[in-house]
Protein backbone atom coordinates (compact mmCIF):
# COMPACT_ATOMS: atom_id res chain seq x y z
CA MET A 1 -0.07 -0.10 -0.07
CA LYS A 2 2.78 2.29 0.82
CA GLN A 3 4.31 1.44 -2.67
CA LEU A 4 0.80 2.37 -4.29
CA ILE A 5 0.55 5.85 -2.48
CA ARG A 6 4.30 6.52 -3.32
CA GLN A 7 3.19 5.73 -6.89
CA MET A 8 0.20 7.97 -7.40
CA CYS A 9 1.47 11.37 -5.75
CA ASP A 10 4.45 10.48 -8.60
CA GLY A 11 1.28 10.33 -11.06
CA ILE A 12 1.48 6.89 -12.20
CA VAL A 13 -1.75 6.19 -13.74
CA VAL A 14 -4.80 4.02 -12.74
CA TYR A 15 -3.77 1.39 -14.86
CA ASN A 16 -0.82 0.78 -13.27
CA CYS A 17 -2.66 -0.14 -9.75
CA ALA A 18 -3.85 -3.73 -11.08
CA GLU A 19 -0.21 -4.82 -10.77
CA ILE A 20 -0.41 -3.99 -6.93
CA LEU A 21 -3.63 -4.52 -6.01
CA GLY A 22 -4.46 -7.01 -8.89
CA ALA A 23 -6.33 -6.78 -12.36
CA ALA A 24 -9.44 -8.86 -10.70
CA GLY A 25 -10.17 -6.17 -8.21
CA GLU A 26 -13.83 -4.49 -8.50
CA ALA A 27 -12.07 -1.19 -7.50
CA VAL A 28 -9.45 -1.27 -10.62
CA ALA A 29 -11.95 -2.59 -13.27
CA ASP A 30 -14.54 0.41 -11.96
CA LEU A 31 -11.41 3.08 -12.23
CA LYS A 32 -10.74 1.27 -16.17
CA GLN A 33 -14.26 1.28 -17.43
CA LEU A 34 -14.37 4.83 -16.17
CA PHE A 35 -11.03 5.95 -18.36
CA SER A 36 -12.21 4.43 -21.11
CA LEU A 37 -15.14 6.09 -21.55
CA ALA A 38 -14.03 9.03 -20.75
CA GLU A 39 -11.59 9.15 -23.50
CA LYS A 40 -14.46 8.04 -25.77
CA PHE A 41 -16.96 10.47 -23.88
CA GLY A 42 -13.83 12.77 -25.09
CA TYR A 43 -13.34 14.71 -21.86
CA SER A 44 -10.28 12.48 -21.06
CA GLU A 45 -7.76 15.64 -20.44
CA TRP A 46 -10.03 16.76 -17.77
CA ILE A 47 -10.34 13.71 -15.29
CA GLN A 48 -7.12 12.56 -13.16
CA PHE A 49 -6.27 9.94 -11.14
CA ASP A 50 -5.75 11.17 -7.13
CA ALA A 51 -5.56 7.96 -4.54
CA SER A 52 -5.37 11.00 -1.52
CA VAL A 53 -8.93 11.44 -2.12
CA VAL A 54 -11.12 10.07 0.30
CA ARG A 55 -14.60 11.04 1.12
CA GLY A 56 -16.13 10.28 4.75
CA LEU A 57 -20.29 9.81 3.67
CA ALA A 58 -21.04 5.65 4.36
CA TYR A 59 -23.71 5.59 1.89
CA TYR A 60 -20.52 5.43 -1.45
CA THR A 61 -20.11 2.27 -2.44
CA GLY A 62 -18.22 3.28 -5.77
CA ILE A 63 -16.09 6.06 -7.14
CA VAL A 64 -15.47 8.67 -5.29
CA PHE A 65 -14.80 11.99 -6.44
CA GLU A 66 -13.40 15.92 -6.07
CA GLY A 67 -13.82 18.72 -8.80
CA PHE A 68 -11.43 21.63 -8.82
CA ASP A 69 -10.81 24.45 -11.34
CA ARG A 70 -8.74 24.22 -14.46
CA GLU A 71 -5.26 25.98 -12.81
CA GLY A 72 -5.41 24.58 -9.31
CA LYS A 73 -5.84 27.89 -7.36
CA LEU A 74 -8.57 26.88 -5.27
CA ARG A 75 -10.41 24.56 -2.69
CA ALA A 76 -12.95 21.71 -3.87
CA ILE A 77 -15.49 23.00 -5.87
CA CYS A 78 -17.90 19.94 -5.51
CA GLY A 79 -17.19 16.87 -4.30
CA GLY A 80 -19.39 13.32 -5.03
CA GLY A 81 -19.17 10.08 -5.90
CA ARG A 82 -21.39 6.24 -6.70
CA TYR A 83 -24.02 5.31 -4.59
CA ASP A 84 -26.14 2.60 -5.08
CA ARG A 85 -27.76 1.48 -1.65
CA LEU A 86 -28.68 4.99 -0.31
CA LEU A 87 -32.25 5.21 -0.69
CA SER A 88 -32.97 2.21 1.10
CA THR A 89 -31.72 3.94 3.91
CA PHE A 90 -35.33 5.72 3.43
CA GLY A 91 -37.46 2.67 2.79
CA GLY A 92 -37.48 2.78 -0.78
CA ASP A 93 -36.01 0.50 -3.15
CA ASP A 94 -32.22 0.53 -3.83
CA VAL A 95 -31.73 2.77 -8.15
CA PRO A 96 -28.02 2.84 -8.30
CA ALA A 97 -26.79 6.70 -8.99
CA CYS A 98 -24.10 9.23 -8.72
CA GLY A 99 -24.36 12.62 -7.55
CA PHE A 100 -22.17 15.36 -6.19
CA GLY A 101 -22.63 18.91 -3.93
CA PHE A 102 -21.65 22.00 -3.39
CA GLY A 103 -21.67 25.67 -1.73
CA ASP A 104 -22.51 28.69 -2.97
CA ALA A 105 -19.55 30.35 -1.44
CA VAL A 106 -16.98 28.39 -3.58
CA ILE A 107 -18.69 29.60 -6.54
CA ILE A 108 -18.63 32.91 -5.68
CA GLU A 109 -15.20 32.39 -5.06
CA VAL A 110 -14.62 30.80 -7.81
CA ILE A 111 -16.22 33.69 -10.06
CA TYR A 112 -14.19 36.24 -8.12
CA THR A 113 -11.09 35.05 -8.85
CA TYR A 114 -11.39 34.16 -12.67
CA VAL A 115 -13.90 37.45 -13.08
CA GLY A 116 -11.64 39.90 -10.63
CA PHE A 117 -15.19 41.22 -9.37
CA SER A 118 -18.04 39.44 -7.64
CA TYR A 119 -21.96 39.63 -8.79
CA ALA A 120 -24.37 39.46 -5.95
CA PHE A 121 -26.10 36.48 -8.70
CA PRO A 122 -23.84 34.61 -10.86
CA VAL A 123 -26.80 34.20 -13.04
CA GLN A 124 -26.16 37.91 -14.28
CA LEU A 125 -22.51 37.37 -14.85
CA LEU A 126 -23.29 33.95 -17.22
CA LYS A 127 -25.76 36.17 -18.90
CA GLU A 128 -23.65 38.81 -19.98
CA LYS A 129 -20.36 36.12 -20.94
CA GLY A 130 -22.94 34.87 -23.69
CA LEU A 131 -22.38 31.18 -21.16
CA LEU A 132 -25.93 30.67 -20.32
CA PRO A 133 -27.79 28.67 -22.83
CA GLU A 134 -31.23 28.63 -23.99
CA LEU A 135 -32.95 25.23 -22.76
CA SER A 136 -35.02 23.91 -25.55
CA LEU A 137 -37.49 20.69 -25.45
CA GLN A 138 -36.00 19.44 -28.72
CA VAL A 139 -33.09 17.79 -29.60
CA GLU A 140 -31.32 16.36 -33.04
CA ASN A 141 -30.10 13.06 -32.03
CA ILE A 142 -30.76 9.99 -29.84
CA VAL A 143 -28.28 7.69 -29.37
CA CYS A 144 -28.77 4.26 -28.36
CA ALA A 145 -26.17 1.25 -27.58
CA LEU A 146 -28.18 -1.96 -28.57
CA ASP A 147 -25.90 -4.03 -26.31
CA HIS A 148 -24.22 -2.74 -22.62
CA TYR A 149 -20.73 -3.13 -23.60
CA LEU A 150 -21.32 -0.85 -27.31
CA GLN A 151 -22.27 2.11 -24.30
CA GLY A 152 -18.43 3.50 -25.35
CA ALA A 153 -18.81 3.30 -28.44
CA ALA A 154 -22.40 4.90 -28.29
CA ALA A 155 -20.27 7.89 -26.45
CA ALA A 156 -17.59 8.01 -29.17
CA VAL A 157 -21.18 9.09 -31.71
CA ALA A 158 -22.42 11.23 -29.47
CA THR A 159 -19.35 12.71 -28.86
CA ARG A 160 -18.71 12.91 -32.37
CA LEU A 161 -22.04 14.44 -33.67
CA ARG A 162 -21.31 17.22 -30.66
CA GLU A 163 -18.23 18.00 -32.84
CA LYS A 164 -20.48 18.95 -35.15
CA GLY A 165 -22.59 21.61 -33.20
CA GLN A 166 -25.39 19.07 -33.00
CA SER A 167 -27.70 18.19 -30.08
CA VAL A 168 -27.35 14.46 -28.73
CA ASP A 169 -28.97 12.70 -25.92
CA LEU A 170 -27.11 9.47 -25.19
CA VAL A 171 -29.15 6.30 -23.52
CA LEU A 172 -26.69 5.91 -20.96
CA GLU A 173 -28.45 2.53 -19.63
CA SER A 174 -29.49 -0.88 -21.38
CA LYS A 175 -33.35 0.29 -22.69
CA PRO A 176 -35.54 -1.38 -24.37
CA LEU A 177 -36.65 0.28 -27.78
CA LYS A 178 -39.87 1.05 -26.51
CA TRP A 179 -38.24 3.57 -23.83
CA VAL A 180 -35.97 4.88 -26.34
CA PHE A 181 -39.20 5.52 -28.98
CA LYS A 182 -40.71 7.54 -26.21
CA ARG A 183 -38.00 8.95 -25.47
CA ALA A 184 -37.54 10.29 -29.18
CA ALA A 185 -41.25 11.67 -28.95
CA ARG A 186 -40.40 13.63 -25.73
CA THR A 187 -37.66 15.39 -26.28
CA ASN A 188 -38.69 16.08 -30.44
CA ALA A 189 -35.53 14.31 -31.80
CA GLN A 190 -35.61 14.34 -35.59
CA ARG A 191 -33.11 11.00 -35.50
CA LEU A 192 -32.55 7.47 -33.74
CA ILE A 193 -28.76 6.52 -33.77
CA LEU A 194 -28.50 2.41 -32.81
CA VAL A 195 -24.97 1.26 -32.41
CA GLY A 196 -24.95 -2.05 -33.00
CA ASN A 197 -22.14 -5.10 -32.83
CA SER A 198 -22.93 -6.30 -36.44
CA GLU A 199 -22.92 -2.66 -38.08
CA TRP A 200 -20.23 -1.51 -35.32
CA GLN A 201 -17.81 -4.11 -36.50
CA ARG A 202 -18.05 -3.01 -39.88
CA GLY A 203 -16.97 0.65 -38.65
CA MET A 204 -21.12 1.53 -39.62
CA VAL A 205 -24.02 2.61 -37.61
CA SER A 206 -28.02 2.48 -38.14
CA VAL A 207 -29.96 5.66 -38.70
CA LYS A 208 -34.12 6.13 -38.24
CA ILE A 209 -35.56 9.31 -39.41
CA LEU A 210 -38.22 9.90 -36.61
CA SER A 211 -40.56 12.24 -39.55
CA SER A 212 -41.00 9.37 -42.01
CA GLY A 213 -40.06 5.85 -40.57
CA GLU A 214 -36.74 6.33 -43.50
CA GLN A 215 -33.87 3.51 -41.88
CA TYR A 216 -30.50 3.13 -43.37
CA GLU A 217 -27.27 2.28 -42.39
CA ILE A 218 -24.19 4.39 -43.03
CA LYS A 219 -20.57 4.41 -42.33
CA LEU A 220 -19.13 6.60 -39.07
CA ASP A 221 -17.08 8.95 -40.57
CA GLU A 222 -19.57 10.30 -43.48
CA LEU A 223 -22.42 10.58 -40.25
CA GLU A 224 -22.97 14.28 -40.17
């Protein structure tokens, strides 16, 4: 354990943990999946493994995290983690979930540090900077993986479309197609993009135009 902590302090990446803790460990497997999905989502450069992060609340059952400003000038802005058995504590059915919390004081501190002055209402600052998005009930694409192990591939498809400026609703859980179509109707989606095993092996995805019912396959690098 001392060796592991020393290596973490020296910046050794999470994959080296397997050499010390054993590759079959559930914690190592979860961390590997997290970093793999982060790469496919396109934000791997925004996260790093830190063995010193400890969250004291007993209901956490998986990975915990803390969020900091990009330059690392300030204390943690937020903190949270995975909890699968929290709801049963209050008499409900367990539902896997992930959450975080933060305080208003640190948000004001971030604004003051990086903008140079403090606003009574942060929303005012976001509006003036043009950073407050206009929320819409319509998305252009819904992306869904047909198998659990293709969720990373679906995330890569969603990231590609977002980089092209399109709005995307990515289905993160394994849901039946009936649920996906209902979701598409609620969000007024234009297209449903399905990532299936046989299509993905050929470098393709299946696209369904929801207004007309037209369905076709297309190469991933040709998807616009």
